Every structure is written in C-alpha cells, then in structure tokens.
N, C-alpha and C. Protein backbone atom coordinates (compact mmCIF):
# COMPACT_ATOMS: atom_id res chain seq x y z
N MET A 1 29.88 -10.83 -43.07
CA MET A 1 30.65 -9.68 -42.69
C MET A 1 31.89 -10.15 -41.91
N LEU A 2 33.04 -9.57 -42.24
CA LEU A 2 34.28 -9.89 -41.53
C LEU A 2 34.32 -9.11 -40.24
N LEU A 3 34.83 -9.72 -39.20
CA LEU A 3 35.00 -9.04 -37.93
C LEU A 3 36.43 -9.19 -37.46
N ALA A 4 36.97 -8.15 -36.91
CA ALA A 4 38.32 -8.19 -36.35
C ALA A 4 38.21 -8.44 -34.86
N VAL A 5 38.98 -9.38 -34.37
CA VAL A 5 38.98 -9.63 -32.93
C VAL A 5 40.09 -8.81 -32.31
N SER A 6 39.75 -8.05 -31.29
CA SER A 6 40.68 -7.13 -30.66
C SER A 6 41.67 -7.85 -29.77
N ALA A 7 42.94 -7.87 -30.14
CA ALA A 7 44.09 -8.35 -29.38
C ALA A 7 43.79 -9.38 -28.32
N GLY A 8 43.05 -10.39 -28.68
CA GLY A 8 42.81 -11.49 -27.75
C GLY A 8 41.83 -11.16 -26.63
N LEU A 9 41.15 -10.03 -26.70
CA LEU A 9 40.21 -9.68 -25.64
C LEU A 9 38.88 -10.38 -25.79
N GLY A 10 38.68 -11.00 -26.95
CA GLY A 10 37.48 -11.76 -27.13
C GLY A 10 36.29 -10.99 -27.67
N TRP A 11 36.41 -9.70 -27.91
CA TRP A 11 35.28 -8.98 -28.47
C TRP A 11 35.60 -8.59 -29.91
N ALA A 12 34.58 -8.53 -30.71
CA ALA A 12 34.75 -8.28 -32.13
C ALA A 12 34.37 -6.86 -32.47
N VAL A 13 35.12 -6.29 -33.41
CA VAL A 13 34.87 -4.93 -33.88
C VAL A 13 34.57 -5.01 -35.37
N PRO A 14 33.45 -4.45 -35.81
CA PRO A 14 33.18 -4.47 -37.26
C PRO A 14 34.23 -3.65 -37.99
N PRO A 15 34.56 -4.04 -39.21
CA PRO A 15 35.56 -3.28 -39.96
C PRO A 15 35.08 -1.85 -40.19
N ALA A 16 36.02 -0.90 -40.18
CA ALA A 16 35.70 0.50 -40.39
C ALA A 16 35.38 0.72 -41.86
N HIS A 17 34.53 1.69 -42.14
CA HIS A 17 34.21 2.04 -43.51
C HIS A 17 33.91 3.53 -43.60
N ALA A 18 34.10 4.07 -44.78
CA ALA A 18 33.85 5.50 -44.99
C ALA A 18 32.35 5.78 -44.94
N ASP A 19 32.01 6.92 -44.35
CA ASP A 19 30.61 7.32 -44.26
C ASP A 19 30.50 8.82 -44.53
N PRO A 20 30.50 9.22 -45.80
CA PRO A 20 30.44 10.65 -46.12
C PRO A 20 29.18 11.34 -45.63
N VAL A 21 28.06 10.61 -45.55
CA VAL A 21 26.82 11.24 -45.10
C VAL A 21 26.94 11.67 -43.63
N THR A 22 27.48 10.79 -42.80
CA THR A 22 27.68 11.15 -41.39
C THR A 22 28.66 12.31 -41.27
N TYR A 23 29.73 12.31 -42.09
CA TYR A 23 30.69 13.41 -42.08
C TYR A 23 30.00 14.74 -42.39
N VAL A 24 29.23 14.78 -43.48
CA VAL A 24 28.55 16.02 -43.86
C VAL A 24 27.58 16.46 -42.76
N ASN A 25 26.83 15.53 -42.22
CA ASN A 25 25.90 15.89 -41.15
C ASN A 25 26.63 16.43 -39.94
N SER A 26 27.77 15.85 -39.61
CA SER A 26 28.54 16.31 -38.45
C SER A 26 29.07 17.73 -38.63
N VAL A 27 29.61 18.01 -39.81
CA VAL A 27 30.16 19.35 -40.00
C VAL A 27 29.07 20.39 -40.23
N ASN A 28 27.94 19.98 -40.78
CA ASN A 28 26.83 20.92 -40.97
C ASN A 28 26.12 21.23 -39.66
N ALA A 29 26.10 20.27 -38.76
CA ALA A 29 25.40 20.47 -37.48
C ALA A 29 26.21 21.32 -36.50
N ARG A 30 27.49 21.40 -36.68
CA ARG A 30 28.36 22.14 -35.77
C ARG A 30 28.57 23.56 -36.26
N PRO A 31 28.27 24.57 -35.47
CA PRO A 31 28.52 25.95 -35.89
C PRO A 31 30.00 26.19 -36.15
N GLY A 32 30.29 27.02 -37.11
CA GLY A 32 31.67 27.40 -37.40
C GLY A 32 32.17 26.93 -38.75
N PHE A 33 31.47 26.02 -39.37
CA PHE A 33 31.86 25.56 -40.68
C PHE A 33 30.90 26.15 -41.71
N ASN A 34 31.45 26.68 -42.78
CA ASN A 34 30.63 27.33 -43.79
C ASN A 34 30.89 26.78 -45.17
N PHE A 35 30.89 25.45 -45.28
CA PHE A 35 31.04 24.87 -46.60
C PHE A 35 29.80 25.20 -47.42
N PRO A 36 29.97 25.58 -48.69
CA PRO A 36 28.82 25.98 -49.49
C PRO A 36 27.86 24.83 -49.81
N SER A 37 28.35 23.58 -49.72
CA SER A 37 27.50 22.44 -50.01
C SER A 37 28.10 21.20 -49.36
N GLY A 38 27.31 20.15 -49.34
CA GLY A 38 27.81 18.87 -48.84
C GLY A 38 28.95 18.35 -49.71
N ASP A 39 28.82 18.54 -51.00
CA ASP A 39 29.89 18.11 -51.92
C ASP A 39 31.18 18.86 -51.64
N ALA A 40 31.08 20.14 -51.35
CA ALA A 40 32.28 20.92 -51.03
C ALA A 40 32.91 20.45 -49.74
N ALA A 41 32.09 20.11 -48.75
CA ALA A 41 32.60 19.59 -47.48
C ALA A 41 33.33 18.28 -47.70
N ILE A 42 32.73 17.40 -48.49
CA ILE A 42 33.36 16.11 -48.78
C ILE A 42 34.66 16.29 -49.55
N ALA A 43 34.66 17.18 -50.53
CA ALA A 43 35.87 17.43 -51.32
C ALA A 43 36.99 17.94 -50.40
N TYR A 44 36.66 18.86 -49.49
CA TYR A 44 37.67 19.36 -48.57
C TYR A 44 38.17 18.24 -47.67
N GLY A 45 37.26 17.44 -47.15
CA GLY A 45 37.65 16.33 -46.28
C GLY A 45 38.53 15.34 -47.00
N ARG A 46 38.20 15.02 -48.23
CA ARG A 46 39.03 14.08 -49.00
C ARG A 46 40.43 14.68 -49.26
N GLY A 47 40.49 16.01 -49.40
CA GLY A 47 41.79 16.66 -49.52
C GLY A 47 42.61 16.51 -48.25
N VAL A 48 41.95 16.58 -47.11
CA VAL A 48 42.65 16.34 -45.83
C VAL A 48 43.15 14.90 -45.79
N CYS A 49 42.33 13.96 -46.23
CA CYS A 49 42.76 12.56 -46.30
C CYS A 49 44.01 12.42 -47.17
N ASP A 50 44.02 13.11 -48.29
CA ASP A 50 45.18 13.07 -49.19
C ASP A 50 46.43 13.59 -48.50
N LYS A 51 46.28 14.67 -47.73
CA LYS A 51 47.43 15.22 -47.01
C LYS A 51 47.97 14.23 -45.98
N ILE A 52 47.07 13.55 -45.30
CA ILE A 52 47.49 12.54 -44.32
C ILE A 52 48.21 11.41 -45.05
N ALA A 53 47.65 10.97 -46.17
CA ALA A 53 48.21 9.84 -46.93
C ALA A 53 49.61 10.11 -47.44
N VAL A 54 49.92 11.36 -47.76
CA VAL A 54 51.26 11.68 -48.25
C VAL A 54 52.23 12.02 -47.14
N GLY A 55 51.77 11.95 -45.90
CA GLY A 55 52.68 12.11 -44.76
C GLY A 55 52.77 13.49 -44.15
N ARG A 56 51.85 14.38 -44.48
CA ARG A 56 51.85 15.68 -43.80
C ARG A 56 51.59 15.44 -42.33
N SER A 57 52.24 16.23 -41.50
CA SER A 57 52.09 16.05 -40.06
C SER A 57 50.75 16.61 -39.57
N TYR A 58 50.35 16.12 -38.41
CA TYR A 58 49.13 16.60 -37.77
C TYR A 58 49.19 18.12 -37.60
N ALA A 59 50.34 18.62 -37.17
CA ALA A 59 50.50 20.07 -36.97
C ALA A 59 50.29 20.83 -38.28
N GLN A 60 50.83 20.31 -39.37
CA GLN A 60 50.66 20.97 -40.67
C GLN A 60 49.20 20.94 -41.11
N ILE A 61 48.56 19.83 -40.90
CA ILE A 61 47.15 19.70 -41.29
C ILE A 61 46.27 20.63 -40.47
N ILE A 62 46.47 20.64 -39.17
CA ILE A 62 45.71 21.55 -38.29
C ILE A 62 45.97 23.01 -38.72
N GLY A 63 47.21 23.32 -39.00
CA GLY A 63 47.56 24.69 -39.45
C GLY A 63 46.83 25.07 -40.72
N ASP A 64 46.78 24.15 -41.67
CA ASP A 64 46.06 24.40 -42.93
C ASP A 64 44.58 24.66 -42.66
N ILE A 65 43.98 23.80 -41.86
CA ILE A 65 42.54 23.93 -41.58
C ILE A 65 42.24 25.23 -40.86
N LYS A 66 43.12 25.61 -39.93
CA LYS A 66 42.89 26.88 -39.19
C LYS A 66 42.90 28.06 -40.14
N VAL A 67 43.73 28.01 -41.17
CA VAL A 67 43.80 29.10 -42.14
C VAL A 67 42.65 29.02 -43.16
N GLU A 68 42.40 27.82 -43.66
CA GLU A 68 41.47 27.66 -44.78
C GLU A 68 40.00 27.58 -44.36
N VAL A 69 39.71 27.11 -43.14
CA VAL A 69 38.33 26.82 -42.79
C VAL A 69 37.87 27.46 -41.49
N THR A 70 38.68 27.39 -40.43
CA THR A 70 38.17 27.72 -39.10
C THR A 70 38.60 29.08 -38.58
N HIS A 71 39.24 29.89 -39.40
CA HIS A 71 39.65 31.24 -39.01
C HIS A 71 40.44 31.25 -37.70
N GLY A 72 41.36 30.29 -37.59
CA GLY A 72 42.26 30.24 -36.44
C GLY A 72 41.74 29.45 -35.25
N ASP A 73 40.55 28.90 -35.33
CA ASP A 73 39.96 28.18 -34.19
C ASP A 73 40.54 26.76 -34.11
N GLU A 74 41.39 26.55 -33.14
CA GLU A 74 42.06 25.26 -32.92
C GLU A 74 41.06 24.14 -32.62
N SER A 75 40.09 24.42 -31.80
CA SER A 75 39.10 23.41 -31.43
C SER A 75 38.31 22.92 -32.64
N LEU A 76 37.86 23.85 -33.47
CA LEU A 76 37.12 23.47 -34.67
C LEU A 76 38.01 22.70 -35.64
N ALA A 77 39.26 23.10 -35.75
CA ALA A 77 40.19 22.38 -36.63
C ALA A 77 40.38 20.95 -36.16
N ASN A 78 40.56 20.75 -34.87
CA ASN A 78 40.69 19.40 -34.31
C ASN A 78 39.43 18.58 -34.55
N TYR A 79 38.27 19.20 -34.36
CA TYR A 79 37.00 18.52 -34.59
C TYR A 79 36.90 18.06 -36.03
N LEU A 80 37.26 18.95 -36.97
CA LEU A 80 37.16 18.61 -38.39
C LEU A 80 38.10 17.46 -38.75
N VAL A 81 39.31 17.49 -38.24
CA VAL A 81 40.25 16.40 -38.52
C VAL A 81 39.68 15.08 -37.99
N GLY A 82 39.13 15.12 -36.80
CA GLY A 82 38.54 13.93 -36.24
C GLY A 82 37.41 13.38 -37.09
N GLN A 83 36.54 14.27 -37.54
CA GLN A 83 35.43 13.84 -38.38
C GLN A 83 35.93 13.27 -39.70
N VAL A 84 36.93 13.92 -40.28
CA VAL A 84 37.49 13.44 -41.55
C VAL A 84 38.02 12.02 -41.42
N VAL A 85 38.88 11.78 -40.44
CA VAL A 85 39.49 10.44 -40.36
C VAL A 85 38.50 9.39 -39.87
N ASN A 86 37.55 9.78 -39.05
CA ASN A 86 36.58 8.82 -38.57
C ASN A 86 35.52 8.46 -39.61
N GLU A 87 35.25 9.36 -40.55
CA GLU A 87 34.16 9.12 -41.49
C GLU A 87 34.58 9.00 -42.95
N LEU A 88 35.75 9.56 -43.32
CA LEU A 88 36.13 9.53 -44.74
C LEU A 88 37.34 8.65 -45.03
N CYS A 89 38.27 8.56 -44.11
CA CYS A 89 39.50 7.78 -44.39
C CYS A 89 39.97 7.08 -43.13
N THR A 90 39.14 6.17 -42.68
CA THR A 90 39.42 5.46 -41.43
C THR A 90 40.75 4.70 -41.46
N GLU A 91 41.18 4.30 -42.64
CA GLU A 91 42.45 3.58 -42.74
C GLU A 91 43.66 4.44 -42.39
N LEU A 92 43.45 5.75 -42.29
CA LEU A 92 44.55 6.67 -41.98
C LEU A 92 44.58 7.12 -40.52
N ILE A 93 43.72 6.55 -39.70
CA ILE A 93 43.70 6.92 -38.28
C ILE A 93 45.06 6.66 -37.63
N GLY A 94 45.65 5.51 -37.88
CA GLY A 94 46.95 5.17 -37.28
C GLY A 94 48.05 6.15 -37.66
N PRO A 95 48.26 6.40 -38.96
CA PRO A 95 49.30 7.36 -39.33
C PRO A 95 49.04 8.76 -38.78
N LEU A 96 47.79 9.19 -38.76
CA LEU A 96 47.49 10.51 -38.20
C LEU A 96 47.79 10.52 -36.70
N ARG A 97 47.38 9.49 -36.01
CA ARG A 97 47.63 9.39 -34.56
C ARG A 97 49.15 9.43 -34.30
N ASP A 98 49.91 8.71 -35.11
CA ASP A 98 51.37 8.71 -34.93
C ASP A 98 51.96 10.10 -35.11
N SER A 99 51.48 10.84 -36.12
CA SER A 99 52.02 12.18 -36.38
C SER A 99 51.57 13.19 -35.33
N ALA A 100 50.50 12.87 -34.60
CA ALA A 100 49.99 13.79 -33.57
C ALA A 100 50.57 13.51 -32.18
N ALA A 101 51.38 12.48 -32.06
CA ALA A 101 51.85 12.03 -30.74
C ALA A 101 52.50 13.16 -29.92
N ASN A 102 53.26 13.99 -30.54
CA ASN A 102 53.95 15.08 -29.82
C ASN A 102 53.42 16.46 -30.16
N TYR A 103 52.22 16.51 -30.71
CA TYR A 103 51.63 17.78 -31.11
C TYR A 103 51.35 18.68 -29.92
N ARG A 104 51.68 19.93 -30.07
CA ARG A 104 51.35 20.96 -29.09
C ARG A 104 50.66 22.08 -29.83
N PRO A 105 49.50 22.54 -29.37
CA PRO A 105 48.79 23.61 -30.06
C PRO A 105 49.71 24.79 -30.35
N GLY A 106 49.57 25.30 -31.57
CA GLY A 106 50.36 26.43 -31.97
C GLY A 106 51.72 26.08 -32.57
N ALA A 107 52.14 24.82 -32.39
CA ALA A 107 53.43 24.37 -32.93
C ALA A 107 53.23 23.83 -34.33
N GLN A 108 54.09 24.17 -35.24
CA GLN A 108 54.01 23.62 -36.59
C GLN A 108 55.40 23.35 -37.02
C-alpha cells in the first residue's frame, strides 16, 4: 500500500479512496434525506461530484442541494456535500474547499 507523508511531519496518511457504502449509510442514518434507495443516493452524490469536477462553486452546489434534496435546510445540504466529497470523490476535496473559501450562507 502506498502512503503519503504529510509535509515533512513524519506521519503517514493512507491514500483516500471512494467508499459508497459508508456514504449511503451516512445519509440513510441522518434524518432529513429521503432517497428512495441506496442506488439513488449514490447517483445523486456522483452528480454532485460531477458538478464539482466541472467547476461549479460551493454556493451553487449548496443551492442546488437545498432545492433538490433538503427543502432549504442549509445544515443538511452542508452535511451532504461533506459526505459526498469524503466518501465518493475524495480527489475533489481541494477544488471544493477552494470554491468554499469565501462562502456565506444564503449567498449564491
């Protein structure tokens, strides 16, 4: 297994990998999400990954999720984005973080 050494600190971090099972369990365990199936939850999450990959801003993505999934709930939308990037498209954490740097709730 390859390990990445963190900026000379001497500790190793295992490489990130997608984990759709953990993603589905996370969104199913949290009240407020009503995906009809695990496959539907994964498909929606992969769609969010696609939006991040093409450069949509954090504000745009949160706005979409608030309309499409969480009925305006900012906290649930943030939770879902976090689960998506942490479990389905870890390689996009950096670009998402960059686009969220100046995010203010309600701003799009």
